[in-house]
Amino acid sequence: MKEVVPFWVIAFISLVLSSIAVRYAAHEAPIVFKTQHSLQTGLILFANLATYGCLWIGKYLLFNRLLFAPHASTAELALPGESE
């Protein structure tokens, strides 16, 4: 549960935020690039990619720094082969 629930919560939040970003980009793209359909499509794809990229970095930081951070006792253990 410690892994599954945060994963699905973040996946749902990512879907919602990406949908909002893509809808906004789709609304603004014809205004910014009036007749250039390929640039409009590129803007929409960039909005989707940028949203998921930022959320992926946030998920990485959340999981590695908060949820699954090494405990102090584990971090202090010496690696095999290390000498003092």
N, C-alpha and C. Protein backbone atom coordinates (compact mmCIF):
# COMPACT_ATOMS: atom_id res chain seq x y z
N MET A 1 0.83 -1.20 0.00
CA MET A 1 0.00 0.00 0.00
C MET A 1 0.87 1.26 0.00
N LYS A 2 2.07 1.16 0.61
CA LYS A 2 2.93 2.33 0.68
C LYS A 2 3.41 2.76 -0.71
N GLU A 3 3.44 1.83 -1.65
CA GLU A 3 3.88 2.14 -3.01
C GLU A 3 2.70 2.36 -3.95
N VAL A 4 1.67 1.57 -3.81
CA VAL A 4 0.57 1.56 -4.77
C VAL A 4 -0.28 2.82 -4.67
N VAL A 5 -0.66 3.19 -3.47
CA VAL A 5 -1.55 4.35 -3.29
C VAL A 5 -0.89 5.64 -3.79
N PRO A 6 0.35 5.96 -3.39
CA PRO A 6 0.97 7.19 -3.91
C PRO A 6 1.12 7.16 -5.43
N PHE A 7 1.43 5.99 -5.99
CA PHE A 7 1.57 5.88 -7.44
C PHE A 7 0.28 6.26 -8.15
N TRP A 8 -0.84 5.69 -7.72
CA TRP A 8 -2.11 5.97 -8.39
C TRP A 8 -2.62 7.38 -8.12
N VAL A 9 -2.36 7.92 -6.95
CA VAL A 9 -2.75 9.30 -6.67
C VAL A 9 -1.98 10.25 -7.59
N ILE A 10 -0.68 10.03 -7.71
CA ILE A 10 0.13 10.88 -8.57
C ILE A 10 -0.23 10.68 -10.04
N ALA A 11 -0.54 9.45 -10.44
CA ALA A 11 -0.95 9.18 -11.82
C ALA A 11 -2.25 9.93 -12.15
N PHE A 12 -3.20 9.93 -11.23
CA PHE A 12 -4.46 10.64 -11.46
C PHE A 12 -4.23 12.15 -11.50
N ILE A 13 -3.42 12.67 -10.59
CA ILE A 13 -3.12 14.11 -10.59
C ILE A 13 -2.40 14.49 -11.88
N SER A 14 -1.49 13.63 -12.34
CA SER A 14 -0.78 13.88 -13.60
C SER A 14 -1.75 13.94 -14.77
N LEU A 15 -2.71 13.03 -14.80
CA LEU A 15 -3.70 13.02 -15.87
C LEU A 15 -4.52 14.30 -15.87
N VAL A 16 -4.95 14.73 -14.71
CA VAL A 16 -5.76 15.95 -14.61
C VAL A 16 -4.95 17.18 -15.03
N LEU A 17 -3.74 17.31 -14.49
CA LEU A 17 -2.92 18.49 -14.83
C LEU A 17 -2.51 18.50 -16.30
N SER A 18 -2.21 17.35 -16.84
CA SER A 18 -1.86 17.27 -18.26
C SER A 18 -3.06 17.64 -19.13
N SER A 19 -4.23 17.18 -18.75
CA SER A 19 -5.44 17.51 -19.51
C SER A 19 -5.72 19.01 -19.49
N ILE A 20 -5.51 19.63 -18.34
CA ILE A 20 -5.69 21.08 -18.24
C ILE A 20 -4.68 21.81 -19.11
N ALA A 21 -3.41 21.39 -19.05
CA ALA A 21 -2.36 22.04 -19.85
C ALA A 21 -2.62 21.88 -21.34
N VAL A 22 -3.03 20.68 -21.75
CA VAL A 22 -3.30 20.44 -23.18
C VAL A 22 -4.52 21.23 -23.63
N ARG A 23 -5.53 21.30 -22.82
CA ARG A 23 -6.74 22.07 -23.20
C ARG A 23 -6.40 23.55 -23.35
N TYR A 24 -5.59 24.07 -22.42
CA TYR A 24 -5.17 25.47 -22.51
C TYR A 24 -4.32 25.70 -23.76
N ALA A 25 -3.39 24.80 -24.02
CA ALA A 25 -2.54 24.93 -25.21
C ALA A 25 -3.36 24.82 -26.48
N ALA A 26 -4.34 23.93 -26.51
CA ALA A 26 -5.19 23.78 -27.69
C ALA A 26 -6.04 25.03 -27.91
N HIS A 27 -6.40 25.71 -26.84
CA HIS A 27 -7.16 26.95 -26.96
C HIS A 27 -6.29 28.09 -27.47
N GLU A 28 -5.05 28.16 -26.96
CA GLU A 28 -4.16 29.26 -27.31
C GLU A 28 -3.40 29.05 -28.62
N ALA A 29 -3.20 27.81 -29.04
CA ALA A 29 -2.40 27.52 -30.23
C ALA A 29 -2.92 28.21 -31.49
N PRO A 30 -4.22 28.20 -31.80
CA PRO A 30 -4.68 28.90 -33.00
C PRO A 30 -4.49 30.42 -32.93
N ILE A 31 -4.45 30.96 -31.72
CA ILE A 31 -4.25 32.39 -31.56
C ILE A 31 -2.78 32.74 -31.82
N VAL A 32 -1.88 31.92 -31.29
CA VAL A 32 -0.45 32.18 -31.44
C VAL A 32 0.03 31.85 -32.85
N PHE A 33 -0.34 30.68 -33.36
CA PHE A 33 0.06 30.24 -34.69
C PHE A 33 -1.20 30.14 -35.55
N LYS A 34 -1.57 31.23 -36.16
CA LYS A 34 -2.86 31.34 -36.84
C LYS A 34 -3.09 30.29 -37.93
N THR A 35 -2.20 30.16 -38.87
CA THR A 35 -2.44 29.24 -39.99
C THR A 35 -1.45 28.08 -40.03
N GLN A 36 -0.56 28.01 -39.10
CA GLN A 36 0.47 26.98 -39.12
C GLN A 36 0.05 25.81 -38.23
N HIS A 37 -0.64 24.86 -38.86
CA HIS A 37 -1.21 23.73 -38.13
C HIS A 37 -0.13 22.88 -37.45
N SER A 38 1.01 22.70 -38.10
CA SER A 38 2.06 21.87 -37.51
C SER A 38 2.63 22.52 -36.24
N LEU A 39 2.73 23.83 -36.21
CA LEU A 39 3.20 24.51 -35.00
C LEU A 39 2.15 24.46 -33.89
N GLN A 40 0.88 24.51 -34.26
CA GLN A 40 -0.18 24.36 -33.26
C GLN A 40 -0.09 22.98 -32.61
N THR A 41 0.09 21.95 -33.44
CA THR A 41 0.22 20.59 -32.92
C THR A 41 1.46 20.47 -32.05
N GLY A 42 2.56 21.08 -32.48
CA GLY A 42 3.79 21.05 -31.68
C GLY A 42 3.63 21.70 -30.33
N LEU A 43 2.90 22.80 -30.27
CA LEU A 43 2.66 23.48 -28.99
C LEU A 43 1.84 22.59 -28.05
N ILE A 44 0.85 21.93 -28.59
CA ILE A 44 0.01 21.04 -27.78
C ILE A 44 0.83 19.86 -27.27
N LEU A 45 1.64 19.26 -28.14
CA LEU A 45 2.49 18.15 -27.72
C LEU A 45 3.52 18.59 -26.68
N PHE A 46 4.07 19.79 -26.88
CA PHE A 46 5.03 20.31 -25.90
C PHE A 46 4.38 20.52 -24.54
N ALA A 47 3.14 21.01 -24.52
CA ALA A 47 2.44 21.20 -23.25
C ALA A 47 2.26 19.87 -22.53
N ASN A 48 1.92 18.84 -23.27
CA ASN A 48 1.75 17.52 -22.68
C ASN A 48 3.08 16.98 -22.16
N LEU A 49 4.11 17.08 -22.96
CA LEU A 49 5.43 16.58 -22.58
C LEU A 49 6.00 17.35 -21.39
N ALA A 50 5.88 18.65 -21.41
CA ALA A 50 6.40 19.48 -20.32
C ALA A 50 5.67 19.19 -19.01
N THR A 51 4.36 19.00 -19.08
CA THR A 51 3.60 18.70 -17.87
C THR A 51 4.04 17.37 -17.28
N TYR A 52 4.09 16.35 -18.11
CA TYR A 52 4.49 15.03 -17.60
C TYR A 52 5.95 15.03 -17.16
N GLY A 53 6.81 15.79 -17.83
CA GLY A 53 8.21 15.87 -17.43
C GLY A 53 8.36 16.49 -16.05
N CYS A 54 7.68 17.59 -15.82
CA CYS A 54 7.74 18.25 -14.50
C CYS A 54 7.16 17.35 -13.41
N LEU A 55 6.08 16.69 -13.72
CA LEU A 55 5.47 15.81 -12.73
C LEU A 55 6.33 14.58 -12.47
N TRP A 56 7.03 14.09 -13.49
CA TRP A 56 7.92 12.95 -13.30
C TRP A 56 9.06 13.32 -12.35
N ILE A 57 9.62 14.51 -12.54
CA ILE A 57 10.69 14.97 -11.65
C ILE A 57 10.14 15.14 -10.23
N GLY A 58 8.96 15.70 -10.11
CA GLY A 58 8.34 15.85 -8.79
C GLY A 58 8.08 14.51 -8.13
N LYS A 59 7.61 13.53 -8.91
CA LYS A 59 7.36 12.20 -8.37
C LYS A 59 8.67 11.56 -7.91
N TYR A 60 9.71 11.71 -8.69
CA TYR A 60 11.02 11.17 -8.32
C TYR A 60 11.48 11.76 -6.99
N LEU A 61 11.40 13.07 -6.87
CA LEU A 61 11.82 13.72 -5.62
C LEU A 61 10.96 13.27 -4.44
N LEU A 62 9.68 13.19 -4.65
CA LEU A 62 8.77 12.77 -3.58
C LEU A 62 9.08 11.36 -3.13
N PHE A 63 9.22 10.44 -4.07
CA PHE A 63 9.46 9.05 -3.71
C PHE A 63 10.84 8.86 -3.09
N ASN A 64 11.87 9.45 -3.66
CA ASN A 64 13.23 9.20 -3.19
C ASN A 64 13.62 10.01 -1.97
N ARG A 65 13.01 11.15 -1.76
CA ARG A 65 13.40 11.99 -0.63
C ARG A 65 12.47 11.82 0.58
N LEU A 66 11.19 11.53 0.33
CA LEU A 66 10.24 11.46 1.45
C LEU A 66 9.75 10.05 1.74
N LEU A 67 9.19 9.40 0.74
CA LEU A 67 8.54 8.12 1.00
C LEU A 67 9.53 6.98 1.20
N PHE A 68 10.58 6.94 0.40
CA PHE A 68 11.52 5.82 0.46
C PHE A 68 12.93 6.28 0.79
N ALA A 69 13.04 7.29 1.59
CA ALA A 69 14.35 7.80 2.00
C ALA A 69 15.04 6.77 2.89
N PRO A 70 16.35 6.61 2.72
CA PRO A 70 17.05 5.66 3.59
C PRO A 70 17.04 6.14 5.03
N HIS A 71 16.91 5.21 5.92
CA HIS A 71 16.93 5.55 7.34
C HIS A 71 18.36 5.84 7.77
N ALA A 72 18.53 6.55 8.84
CA ALA A 72 19.86 6.93 9.31
C ALA A 72 20.72 5.70 9.58
N SER A 73 20.14 4.66 10.16
CA SER A 73 20.93 3.46 10.46
C SER A 73 21.39 2.77 9.18
N THR A 74 20.59 2.79 8.13
CA THR A 74 20.97 2.18 6.85
C THR A 74 22.03 3.01 6.15
N ALA A 75 21.92 4.32 6.23
CA ALA A 75 22.86 5.20 5.54
C ALA A 75 24.25 5.12 6.17
N GLU A 76 24.33 4.77 7.43
CA GLU A 76 25.61 4.73 8.10
C GLU A 76 26.35 3.41 7.92
N LEU A 77 25.72 2.41 7.34
CA LEU A 77 26.37 1.12 7.14
C LEU A 77 27.46 1.25 6.09
N ALA A 78 28.55 0.59 6.30
CA ALA A 78 29.66 0.61 5.34
C ALA A 78 29.36 -0.37 4.21
N LEU A 79 29.82 -0.03 3.02
CA LEU A 79 29.66 -0.91 1.88
C LEU A 79 30.64 -2.08 2.00
N PRO A 80 30.31 -3.24 1.45
CA PRO A 80 31.23 -4.36 1.49
C PRO A 80 32.55 -4.00 0.81
N GLY A 81 33.65 -4.35 1.41
CA GLY A 81 34.95 -4.06 0.85
C GLY A 81 35.54 -2.75 1.33
N GLU A 82 34.78 -1.93 2.02
CA GLU A 82 35.30 -0.67 2.53
C GLU A 82 36.05 -0.92 3.83
N SER A 83 37.17 -0.29 3.99
CA SER A 83 37.88 -0.41 5.25
C SER A 83 37.89 0.95 5.94
N GLU A 84 38.04 0.92 7.22
CA GLU A 84 38.02 2.17 7.99
C GLU A 84 39.31 2.89 7.95
